[in-house]
Amino acid sequence: MALSYKARRRLSLLILIVALPLYIVVAVTLVGLIDRPPFLLELAIYIGLGVIWAFPLKAVFKGVGQADPDARDE
């Protein structure tokens, strides 16, 4: 089942405004639970976590910045 353009726009906005900040808080909290790793390892963890969230959501964000393909040309 493919999402419509409007549904993808709304879902991407919800993800960016609600889910991503929640993900950041959870990631920082989980990394903070362990003893502070060396700086480069900590940096690699944050970079990895910063990139990993986008892969499962790639289909939602694809084409959202484009004009609505279903809109009628007037």
PDB file of N, CA and C in Angstrom:
ATOM      1  N   MET A   1       0.841  -1.172   0.000  1.00  0.00           N
ATOM      2  CA  MET A   1       0.000   0.000   0.000  1.00  0.00           C
ATOM      3  C   MET A   1       0.889   1.238   0.000  1.00  0.00           C
ATOM      4  N   ALA A   2       0.778   2.017  -1.028  1.00  0.00           N
ATOM      5  CA  ALA A   2       1.588   3.221  -1.148  1.00  0.00           C
ATOM      6  C   ALA A   2       0.865   4.395  -0.483  1.00  0.00           C
ATOM      7  N   LEU A   3       1.639   5.242   0.153  1.00  0.00           N
ATOM      8  CA  LEU A   3       1.080   6.430   0.781  1.00  0.00           C
ATOM      9  C   LEU A   3       0.886   7.525  -0.252  1.00  0.00           C
ATOM     10  N   SER A   4      -0.165   8.293  -0.089  1.00  0.00           N
ATOM     11  CA  SER A   4      -0.376   9.415  -0.988  1.00  0.00           C
ATOM     12  C   SER A   4       0.639  10.505  -0.662  1.00  0.00           C
ATOM     13  N   TYR A   5       0.728  11.472  -1.539  1.00  0.00           N
ATOM     14  CA  TYR A   5       1.672  12.566  -1.349  1.00  0.00           C
ATOM     15  C   TYR A   5       1.367  13.338  -0.074  1.00  0.00           C
ATOM     16  N   LYS A   6       0.078  13.646   0.146  1.00  0.00           N
ATOM     17  CA  LYS A   6      -0.309  14.388   1.354  1.00  0.00           C
ATOM     18  C   LYS A   6       0.000  13.589   2.617  1.00  0.00           C
ATOM     19  N   ALA A   7      -0.253  12.300   2.579  1.00  0.00           N
ATOM     20  CA  ALA A   7       0.016  11.457   3.742  1.00  0.00           C
ATOM     21  C   ALA A   7       1.512  11.411   4.037  1.00  0.00           C
ATOM     22  N   ARG A   8       2.335  11.303   2.985  1.00  0.00           N
ATOM     23  CA  ARG A   8       3.791  11.303   3.196  1.00  0.00           C
ATOM     24  C   ARG A   8       4.268  12.625   3.763  1.00  0.00           C
ATOM     25  N   ARG A   9       3.708  13.746   3.279  1.00  0.00           N
ATOM     26  CA  ARG A   9       4.091  15.068   3.811  1.00  0.00           C
ATOM     27  C   ARG A   9       3.740  15.187   5.287  1.00  0.00           C
ATOM     28  N   ARG A  10       2.538  14.772   5.640  1.00  0.00           N
ATOM     29  CA  ARG A  10       2.114  14.845   7.040  1.00  0.00           C
ATOM     30  C   ARG A  10       2.936  13.915   7.919  1.00  0.00           C
ATOM     31  N   LEU A  11       3.169  12.718   7.440  1.00  0.00           N
ATOM     32  CA  LEU A  11       3.951  11.761   8.210  1.00  0.00           C
ATOM     33  C   LEU A  11       5.395  12.233   8.374  1.00  0.00           C
ATOM     34  N   SER A  12       5.982  12.794   7.336  1.00  0.00           N
ATOM     35  CA  SER A  12       7.357  13.287   7.439  1.00  0.00           C
ATOM     36  C   SER A  12       7.447  14.461   8.406  1.00  0.00           C
ATOM     37  N   LEU A  13       6.451  15.317   8.414  1.00  0.00           N
ATOM     38  CA  LEU A  13       6.420  16.430   9.362  1.00  0.00           C
ATOM     39  C   LEU A  13       6.298  15.912  10.785  1.00  0.00           C
ATOM     40  N   LEU A  14       5.444  14.937  11.003  1.00  0.00           N
ATOM     41  CA  LEU A  14       5.294  14.332  12.323  1.00  0.00           C
ATOM     42  C   LEU A  14       6.602  13.684  12.782  1.00  0.00           C
ATOM     43  N   ILE A  15       7.255  12.998  11.878  1.00  0.00           N
ATOM     44  CA  ILE A  15       8.524  12.346  12.213  1.00  0.00           C
ATOM     45  C   ILE A  15       9.570  13.384  12.604  1.00  0.00           C
ATOM     46  N   LEU A  16       9.681  14.458  11.822  1.00  0.00           N
ATOM     47  CA  LEU A  16      10.707  15.460  12.083  1.00  0.00           C
ATOM     48  C   LEU A  16      10.429  16.286  13.331  1.00  0.00           C
ATOM     49  N   ILE A  17       9.170  16.526  13.656  1.00  0.00           N
ATOM     50  CA  ILE A  17       8.843  17.376  14.795  1.00  0.00           C
ATOM     51  C   ILE A  17       8.718  16.595  16.099  1.00  0.00           C
ATOM     52  N   VAL A  18       8.212  15.362  16.041  1.00  0.00           N
ATOM     53  CA  VAL A  18       7.964  14.607  17.266  1.00  0.00           C
ATOM     54  C   VAL A  18       8.959  13.452  17.443  1.00  0.00           C
ATOM     55  N   ALA A  19       9.043  12.586  16.454  1.00  0.00           N
ATOM     56  CA  ALA A  19       9.812  11.357  16.610  1.00  0.00           C
ATOM     57  C   ALA A  19      11.322  11.588  16.640  1.00  0.00           C
ATOM     58  N   LEU A  20      11.828  12.475  15.818  1.00  0.00           N
ATOM     59  CA  LEU A  20      13.278  12.689  15.773  1.00  0.00           C
ATOM     60  C   LEU A  20      13.816  13.286  17.078  1.00  0.00           C
ATOM     61  N   PRO A  21      13.184  14.315  17.655  1.00  0.00           N
ATOM     62  CA  PRO A  21      13.675  14.781  18.957  1.00  0.00           C
ATOM     63  C   PRO A  21      13.591  13.710  20.044  1.00  0.00           C
ATOM     64  N   LEU A  22      12.534  12.885  19.997  1.00  0.00           N
ATOM     65  CA  LEU A  22      12.421  11.783  20.954  1.00  0.00           C
ATOM     66  C   LEU A  22      13.563  10.788  20.759  1.00  0.00           C
ATOM     67  N   TYR A  23      13.877  10.482  19.520  1.00  0.00           N
ATOM     68  CA  TYR A  23      14.978   9.581  19.192  1.00  0.00           C
ATOM     69  C   TYR A  23      16.307  10.134  19.710  1.00  0.00           C
ATOM     70  N   ILE A  24      16.500  11.433  19.556  1.00  0.00           N
ATOM     71  CA  ILE A  24      17.737  12.068  20.027  1.00  0.00           C
ATOM     72  C   ILE A  24      17.854  11.958  21.534  1.00  0.00           C
ATOM     73  N   VAL A  25      16.778  12.213  22.252  1.00  0.00           N
ATOM     74  CA  VAL A  25      16.793  12.121  23.714  1.00  0.00           C
ATOM     75  C   VAL A  25      17.095  10.698  24.150  1.00  0.00           C
ATOM     76  N   VAL A  26      16.465   9.716  23.519  1.00  0.00           N
ATOM     77  CA  VAL A  26      16.709   8.313  23.861  1.00  0.00           C
ATOM     78  C   VAL A  26      18.154   7.926  23.557  1.00  0.00           C
ATOM     79  N   ALA A  27      18.680   8.348  22.411  1.00  0.00           N
ATOM     80  CA  ALA A  27      20.057   8.005  22.038  1.00  0.00           C
ATOM     81  C   ALA A  27      21.057   8.613  23.016  1.00  0.00           C
ATOM     82  N   VAL A  28      20.872   9.870  23.376  1.00  0.00           N
ATOM     83  CA  VAL A  28      21.795  10.528  24.307  1.00  0.00           C
ATOM     84  C   VAL A  28      21.695   9.874  25.683  1.00  0.00           C
ATOM     85  N   THR A  29      20.489   9.516  26.098  1.00  0.00           N
ATOM     86  CA  THR A  29      20.303   8.865  27.393  1.00  0.00           C
ATOM     87  C   THR A  29      20.979   7.501  27.421  1.00  0.00           C
ATOM     88  N   LEU A  30      20.806   6.723  26.356  1.00  0.00           N
ATOM     89  CA  LEU A  30      21.417   5.395  26.322  1.00  0.00           C
ATOM     90  C   LEU A  30      22.934   5.462  26.277  1.00  0.00           C
ATOM     91  N   VAL A  31      23.485   6.396  25.527  1.00  0.00           N
ATOM     92  CA  VAL A  31      24.938   6.539  25.480  1.00  0.00           C
ATOM     93  C   VAL A  31      25.446   7.048  26.834  1.00  0.00           C
ATOM     94  N   GLY A  32      24.653   7.858  27.522  1.00  0.00           N
ATOM     95  CA  GLY A  32      25.039   8.377  28.826  1.00  0.00           C
ATOM     96  C   GLY A  32      24.996   7.342  29.935  1.00  0.00           C
ATOM     97  N   LEU A  33      24.283   6.247  29.724  1.00  0.00           N
ATOM     98  CA  LEU A  33      24.203   5.206  30.746  1.00  0.00           C
ATOM     99  C   LEU A  33      25.515   4.466  30.925  1.00  0.00           C
ATOM    100  N   ILE A  34      26.258   4.328  29.862  1.00  0.00           N
ATOM    101  CA  ILE A  34      27.560   3.674  29.965  1.00  0.00           C
ATOM    102  C   ILE A  34      28.604   4.711  30.348  1.00  0.00           C
ATOM    103  N   ASP A  35      29.734   4.237  30.859  1.00  0.00           N
ATOM    104  CA  ASP A  35      30.820   5.173  31.162  1.00  0.00           C
ATOM    105  C   ASP A  35      31.206   5.887  29.882  1.00  0.00           C
ATOM    106  N   ARG A  36      31.599   7.129  30.026  1.00  0.00           N
ATOM    107  CA  ARG A  36      31.901   7.931  28.847  1.00  0.00           C
ATOM    108  C   ARG A  36      33.037   7.290  28.044  1.00  0.00           C
ATOM    109  N   PRO A  37      32.737   6.911  26.788  1.00  0.00           N
ATOM    110  CA  PRO A  37      33.776   6.300  25.944  1.00  0.00           C
ATOM    111  C   PRO A  37      34.760   7.365  25.472  1.00  0.00           C
ATOM    112  N   PRO A  38      35.860   6.945  24.880  1.00  0.00           N
ATOM    113  CA  PRO A  38      36.790   7.921  24.297  1.00  0.00           C
ATOM    114  C   PRO A  38      36.062   8.801  23.273  1.00  0.00           C
ATOM    115  N   PHE A  39      36.589  10.003  23.083  1.00  0.00           N
ATOM    116  CA  PHE A  39      35.920  11.001  22.255  1.00  0.00           C
ATOM    117  C   PHE A  39      35.613  10.494  20.854  1.00  0.00           C
ATOM    118  N   LEU A  40      36.569   9.862  20.191  1.00  0.00           N
ATOM    119  CA  LEU A  40      36.348   9.405  18.812  1.00  0.00           C
ATOM    120  C   LEU A  40      35.293   8.308  18.735  1.00  0.00           C
ATOM    121  N   LEU A  41      35.260   7.430  19.726  1.00  0.00           N
ATOM    122  CA  LEU A  41      34.243   6.382  19.752  1.00  0.00           C
ATOM    123  C   LEU A  41      32.860   6.994  19.995  1.00  0.00           C
ATOM    124  N   GLU A  42      32.796   7.944  20.901  1.00  0.00           N
ATOM    125  CA  GLU A  42      31.526   8.625  21.167  1.00  0.00           C
ATOM    126  C   GLU A  42      31.044   9.375  19.917  1.00  0.00           C
ATOM    127  N   LEU A  43      31.951  10.018  19.236  1.00  0.00           N
ATOM    128  CA  LEU A  43      31.616  10.716  18.000  1.00  0.00           C
ATOM    129  C   LEU A  43      31.106   9.737  16.944  1.00  0.00           C
ATOM    130  N   ALA A  44      31.764   8.591  16.828  1.00  0.00           N
ATOM    131  CA  ALA A  44      31.336   7.570  15.864  1.00  0.00           C
ATOM    132  C   ALA A  44      29.949   7.029  16.216  1.00  0.00           C
ATOM    133  N   ILE A  45      29.668   6.855  17.491  1.00  0.00           N
ATOM    134  CA  ILE A  45      28.345   6.382  17.920  1.00  0.00           C
ATOM    135  C   ILE A  45      27.274   7.383  17.527  1.00  0.00           C
ATOM    136  N   TYR A  46      27.518   8.666  17.810  1.00  0.00           N
ATOM    137  CA  TYR A  46      26.524   9.688  17.490  1.00  0.00           C
ATOM    138  C   TYR A  46      26.347   9.857  15.982  1.00  0.00           C
ATOM    139  N   ILE A  47      27.409   9.769  15.230  1.00  0.00           N
ATOM    140  CA  ILE A  47      27.293   9.857  13.773  1.00  0.00           C
ATOM    141  C   ILE A  47      26.518   8.659  13.245  1.00  0.00           C
ATOM    142  N   GLY A  48      26.831   7.478  13.751  1.00  0.00           N
ATOM    143  CA  GLY A  48      26.102   6.276  13.342  1.00  0.00           C
ATOM    144  C   GLY A  48      24.622   6.363  13.660  1.00  0.00           C
ATOM    145  N   LEU A  49      24.299   6.783  14.881  1.00  0.00           N
ATOM    146  CA  LEU A  49      22.898   6.921  15.265  1.00  0.00           C
ATOM    147  C   LEU A  49      22.206   8.036  14.474  1.00  0.00           C
ATOM    148  N   GLY A  50      22.967   9.043  14.092  1.00  0.00           N
ATOM    149  CA  GLY A  50      22.405  10.139  13.319  1.00  0.00           C
ATOM    150  C   GLY A  50      22.078   9.751  11.889  1.00  0.00           C
ATOM    151  N   VAL A  51      22.737   8.751  11.377  1.00  0.00           N
ATOM    152  CA  VAL A  51      22.496   8.308  10.004  1.00  0.00           C
ATOM    153  C   VAL A  51      21.512   7.143   9.960  1.00  0.00           C
ATOM    154  N   ILE A  52      21.558   6.265  10.945  1.00  0.00           N
ATOM    155  CA  ILE A  52      20.752   5.043  10.934  1.00  0.00           C
ATOM    156  C   ILE A  52      19.254   5.313  10.915  1.00  0.00           C
ATOM    157  N   TRP A  53      18.789   6.363  11.580  1.00  0.00           N
ATOM    158  CA  TRP A  53      17.347   6.603  11.656  1.00  0.00           C
ATOM    159  C   TRP A  53      16.743   6.890  10.286  1.00  0.00           C
ATOM    160  N   ALA A  54      17.528   7.407   9.372  1.00  0.00           N
ATOM    161  CA  ALA A  54      16.985   7.834   8.085  1.00  0.00           C
ATOM    162  C   ALA A  54      16.732   6.669   7.121  1.00  0.00           C
ATOM    163  N   PHE A  55      17.477   5.593   7.226  1.00  0.00           N
ATOM    164  CA  PHE A  55      17.335   4.505   6.261  1.00  0.00           C
ATOM    165  C   PHE A  55      15.948   3.864   6.253  1.00  0.00           C
ATOM    166  N   PRO A  56      15.354   3.528   7.393  1.00  0.00           N
ATOM    167  CA  PRO A  56      14.003   2.935   7.328  1.00  0.00           C
ATOM    168  C   PRO A  56      12.938   3.936   6.879  1.00  0.00           C
ATOM    169  N   LEU A  57      13.215   5.232   7.014  1.00  0.00           N
ATOM    170  CA  LEU A  57      12.224   6.256   6.687  1.00  0.00           C
ATOM    171  C   LEU A  57      12.456   6.898   5.321  1.00  0.00           C
ATOM    172  N   LYS A  58      13.363   6.347   4.570  1.00  0.00           N
ATOM    173  CA  LYS A  58      13.712   6.910   3.266  1.00  0.00           C
ATOM    174  C   LYS A  58      12.506   7.006   2.341  1.00  0.00           C
ATOM    175  N   ALA A  59      11.646   6.001   2.348  1.00  0.00           N
ATOM    176  CA  ALA A  59      10.477   5.987   1.468  1.00  0.00           C
ATOM    177  C   ALA A  59       9.481   7.080   1.840  1.00  0.00           C
ATOM    178  N   VAL A  60       9.424   7.427   3.115  1.00  0.00           N
ATOM    179  CA  VAL A  60       8.493   8.470   3.551  1.00  0.00           C
ATOM    180  C   VAL A  60       8.954   9.833   3.054  1.00  0.00           C
ATOM    181  N   PHE A  61      10.256  10.099   3.130  1.00  0.00           N
ATOM    182  CA  PHE A  61      10.778  11.411   2.779  1.00  0.00           C
ATOM    183  C   PHE A  61      11.009  11.597   1.281  1.00  0.00           C
ATOM    184  N   LYS A  62      11.008  10.518   0.519  1.00  0.00           N
ATOM    185  CA  LYS A  62      11.323  10.600  -0.904  1.00  0.00           C
ATOM    186  C   LYS A  62      10.257  11.401  -1.654  1.00  0.00           C
ATOM    187  N   GLY A  63      10.671  12.484  -2.308  1.00  0.00           N
ATOM    188  CA  GLY A  63       9.788  13.280  -3.127  1.00  0.00           C
ATOM    189  C   GLY A  63       8.922  14.282  -2.393  1.00  0.00           C
ATOM    190  N   VAL A  64       9.094  14.405  -1.071  1.00  0.00           N
ATOM    191  CA  VAL A  64       8.250  15.310  -0.296  1.00  0.00           C
ATOM    192  C   VAL A  64       8.527  16.769  -0.648  1.00  0.00           C
ATOM    193  N   GLY A  65       9.727  17.094  -1.028  1.00  0.00           N
ATOM    194  CA  GLY A  65      10.065  18.469  -1.366  1.00  0.00           C
ATOM    195  C   GLY A  65       9.640  18.870  -2.769  1.00  0.00           C
ATOM    196  N   GLN A  66       9.154  17.929  -3.538  1.00  0.00           N
ATOM    197  CA  GLN A  66       8.709  18.205  -4.906  1.00  0.00           C
ATOM    198  C   GLN A  66       7.276  18.715  -4.913  1.00  0.00           C
ATOM    199  N   ALA A  67       6.842  19.213  -6.037  1.00  0.00           N
ATOM    200  CA  ALA A  67       5.456  19.635  -6.196  1.00  0.00           C
ATOM    201  C   ALA A  67       4.549  18.405  -6.155  1.00  0.00           C
ATOM    202  N   ASP A  68       3.314  18.606  -5.719  1.00  0.00           N
ATOM    203  CA  ASP A  68       2.355  17.516  -5.611  1.00  0.00           C
ATOM    204  C   ASP A  68       2.072  16.932  -7.002  1.00  0.00           C
ATOM    205  N   PRO A  69       2.401  15.674  -7.221  1.00  0.00           N
ATOM    206  CA  PRO A  69       2.170  15.080  -8.546  1.00  0.00           C
ATOM    207  C   PRO A  69       0.684  14.867  -8.840  1.00  0.00           C
ATOM    208  N   ASP A  70      -0.151  14.826  -7.815  1.00  0.00           N
ATOM    209  CA  ASP A  70      -1.580  14.592  -8.013  1.00  0.00           C
ATOM    210  C   ASP A  70      -2.358  15.889  -8.204  1.00  0.00           C
ATOM    211  N   ALA A  71      -1.697  17.027  -8.002  1.00  0.00           N
ATOM    212  CA  ALA A  71      -2.381  18.315  -8.129  1.00  0.00           C
ATOM    213  C   ALA A  71      -2.696  18.594  -9.595  1.00  0.00           C
ATOM    214  N   ARG A  72      -3.827  19.235  -9.806  1.00  0.00           N
ATOM    215  CA  ARG A  72      -4.210  19.582 -11.171  1.00  0.00           C
ATOM    216  C   ARG A  72      -3.503  20.866 -11.572  1.00  0.00           C
ATOM    217  N   ASP A  73      -3.044  20.912 -12.807  1.00  0.00           N
ATOM    218  CA  ASP A  73      -2.419  22.135 -13.328  1.00  0.00           C
ATOM    219  C   ASP A  73      -3.525  23.096 -13.730  1.00  0.00           C
ATOM    220  N   GLU A  74      -3.451  24.291 -13.197  1.00  0.00           N
ATOM    221  CA  GLU A  74      -4.491  25.276 -13.525  1.00  0.00           C
ATOM    222  C   GLU A  74      -3.943  26.391 -14.371  1.00  0.00           C
TER     223      GLU A  74
END
